[in-house]
């Protein structure tokens, strides 16, 4: 399945918002946890979702940057398959 860069940007942005929302919500709800082991697990879970959100932001930024630089692909010369072997 091929996705356009624009679709990738939008999908990654939506993914980033959802993951960052889950991560921030998890980090903000740590105050109500009494058990130390459960708090450590919840903190790790929240930071994992925050990490995934950051990856989503990076993918969205990268695909947006690639979509805005069409002159790079327009000026690229075609690859000669005989040079690859």
C-alpha atoms as a PDB file:
ATOM      1  CA  UNK A   1       0.000   0.000   0.000  1.00  0.00           C
ATOM      2  CA  UNK A   2       1.388   3.356  -0.994  1.00  0.00           C
ATOM      3  CA  UNK A   3       0.542   6.522   0.912  1.00  0.00           C
ATOM      4  CA  UNK A   4       1.163  10.014  -0.340  1.00  0.00           C
ATOM      5  CA  UNK A   5       3.361  12.284   1.727  1.00  0.00           C
ATOM      6  CA  UNK A   6       0.355  14.434   2.541  1.00  0.00           C
ATOM      7  CA  UNK A   7      -1.596  11.433   3.873  1.00  0.00           C
ATOM      8  CA  UNK A   8       1.458  10.344   5.857  1.00  0.00           C
ATOM      9  CA  UNK A   9       1.748  13.802   7.413  1.00  0.00           C
ATOM     10  CA  UNK A  10      -1.905  13.852   8.438  1.00  0.00           C
ATOM     11  CA  UNK A  11      -1.843  10.276   9.735  1.00  0.00           C
ATOM     12  CA  UNK A  12       1.328  10.857  11.729  1.00  0.00           C
ATOM     13  CA  UNK A  13      -0.069  14.077  13.194  1.00  0.00           C
ATOM     14  CA  UNK A  14      -3.259  12.323  14.306  1.00  0.00           C
ATOM     15  CA  UNK A  15      -1.196   9.462  15.749  1.00  0.00           C
ATOM     16  CA  UNK A  16       1.030  11.960  17.579  1.00  0.00           C
ATOM     17  CA  UNK A  17      -1.920  13.824  19.089  1.00  0.00           C
ATOM     18  CA  UNK A  18      -3.545  10.610  20.313  1.00  0.00           C
ATOM     19  CA  UNK A  19      -0.321   9.218  21.778  1.00  0.00           C
ATOM     20  CA  UNK A  20       0.701  12.491  23.406  1.00  0.00           C
ATOM     21  CA  UNK A  21      -2.804  12.819  24.834  1.00  0.00           C
ATOM     22  CA  UNK A  22      -2.591   9.360  26.376  1.00  0.00           C
ATOM     23  CA  UNK A  23       0.901  10.025  27.700  1.00  0.00           C
ATOM     24  CA  UNK A  24       0.111  13.417  29.208  1.00  0.00           C
ATOM     25  CA  UNK A  25      -3.126  12.128  30.671  1.00  0.00           C
ATOM     26  CA  UNK A  26      -1.227   9.259  32.246  1.00  0.00           C
ATOM     27  CA  UNK A  27       1.434  11.537  33.673  1.00  0.00           C
ATOM     28  CA  UNK A  28      -1.163  13.903  35.121  1.00  0.00           C
ATOM     29  CA  UNK A  29      -3.085  11.082  36.795  1.00  0.00           C
ATOM     30  CA  UNK A  30      -0.120   9.700  38.744  1.00  0.00           C
ATOM     31  CA  UNK A  31      -1.067  11.658  41.876  1.00  0.00           C
ATOM     32  CA  UNK A  32      -3.930   9.330  42.785  1.00  0.00           C
ATOM     33  CA  UNK A  33      -1.823   6.159  42.856  1.00  0.00           C
ATOM     34  CA  UNK A  34      -0.730   4.979  46.305  1.00  0.00           C
ATOM     35  CA  UNK A  35       1.140   1.748  45.525  1.00  0.00           C
ATOM     36  CA  UNK A  36       4.785   2.359  44.533  1.00  0.00           C
ATOM     37  CA  UNK A  37       4.958  -0.572  42.121  1.00  0.00           C
ATOM     38  CA  UNK A  38       1.748   0.448  40.404  1.00  0.00           C
ATOM     39  CA  UNK A  39       2.991   4.044  40.167  1.00  0.00           C
ATOM     40  CA  UNK A  40       6.235   2.889  38.533  1.00  0.00           C
ATOM     41  CA  UNK A  41       4.266   0.813  36.028  1.00  0.00           C
ATOM     42  CA  UNK A  42       1.902   3.696  35.276  1.00  0.00           C
ATOM     43  CA  UNK A  43       4.814   6.117  34.866  1.00  0.00           C
ATOM     44  CA  UNK A  44       6.517   3.746  32.428  1.00  0.00           C
ATOM     45  CA  UNK A  45       3.266   3.325  30.496  1.00  0.00           C
ATOM     46  CA  UNK A  46       2.771   7.095  30.293  1.00  0.00           C
ATOM     47  CA  UNK A  47       6.346   7.740  29.165  1.00  0.00           C
ATOM     48  CA  UNK A  48       6.027   5.011  26.524  1.00  0.00           C
ATOM     49  CA  UNK A  49       2.968   6.734  25.015  1.00  0.00           C
ATOM     50  CA  UNK A  50       4.773  10.064  25.199  1.00  0.00           C
ATOM     51  CA  UNK A  51       7.718   8.521  23.349  1.00  0.00           C
ATOM     52  CA  UNK A  52       5.378   7.184  20.659  1.00  0.00           C
ATOM     53  CA  UNK A  53       3.857  10.658  20.345  1.00  0.00           C
ATOM     54  CA  UNK A  54       7.299  12.189  19.827  1.00  0.00           C
ATOM     55  CA  UNK A  55       8.021   9.608  17.118  1.00  0.00           C
ATOM     56  CA  UNK A  56       4.715  10.573  15.476  1.00  0.00           C
ATOM     57  CA  UNK A  57       5.677  14.258  15.560  1.00  0.00           C
ATOM     58  CA  UNK A  58       9.053  13.468  13.988  1.00  0.00           C
ATOM     59  CA  UNK A  59       7.451  11.389  11.212  1.00  0.00           C
ATOM     60  CA  UNK A  60       4.924  14.165  10.535  1.00  0.00           C
ATOM     61  CA  UNK A  61       7.679  16.791  10.370  1.00  0.00           C
ATOM     62  CA  UNK A  62       9.852  14.642   8.124  1.00  0.00           C
ATOM     63  CA  UNK A  63       7.035  13.846   5.696  1.00  0.00           C
ATOM     64  CA  UNK A  64       5.974  17.494   5.646  1.00  0.00           C
ATOM     65  CA  UNK A  65       9.545  18.555   4.890  1.00  0.00           C
ATOM     66  CA  UNK A  66       9.817  15.989   2.108  1.00  0.00           C
ATOM     67  CA  UNK A  67       6.501  17.082   0.621  1.00  0.00           C
ATOM     68  CA  UNK A  68       7.593  20.726   0.516  1.00  0.00           C
ATOM     69  CA  UNK A  69      10.826  20.114  -1.370  1.00  0.00           C
ATOM     70  CA  UNK A  70       9.726  18.958  -4.833  1.00  0.00           C
ATOM     71  CA  UNK A  71      12.739  20.584  -6.460  1.00  0.00           C
ATOM     72  CA  UNK A  72      14.959  17.970  -4.852  1.00  0.00           C
ATOM     73  CA  UNK A  73      13.191  15.172  -6.675  1.00  0.00           C
ATOM     74  CA  UNK A  74      12.779  17.233  -9.864  1.00  0.00           C
ATOM     75  CA  UNK A  75      16.528  17.867 -10.098  1.00  0.00           C
ATOM     76  CA  UNK A  76      17.523  14.319  -9.237  1.00  0.00           C
ATOM     77  CA  UNK A  77      18.961  12.365 -12.091  1.00  0.00           C
ATOM     78  CA  UNK A  78      17.558   8.909 -12.798  1.00  0.00           C
ATOM     79  CA  UNK A  79      19.461   5.935 -11.459  1.00  0.00           C
ATOM     80  CA  UNK A  80      21.084   3.742 -14.073  1.00  0.00           C
ATOM     81  CA  UNK A  81      20.482   0.131 -13.065  1.00  0.00           C
ATOM     82  CA  UNK A  82      23.772  -0.979 -14.629  1.00  0.00           C
ATOM     83  CA  UNK A  83      25.647   1.166 -12.078  1.00  0.00           C
ATOM     84  CA  UNK A  84      24.024  -0.677  -9.174  1.00  0.00           C
ATOM     85  CA  UNK A  85      25.646  -4.031  -9.912  1.00  0.00           C
END
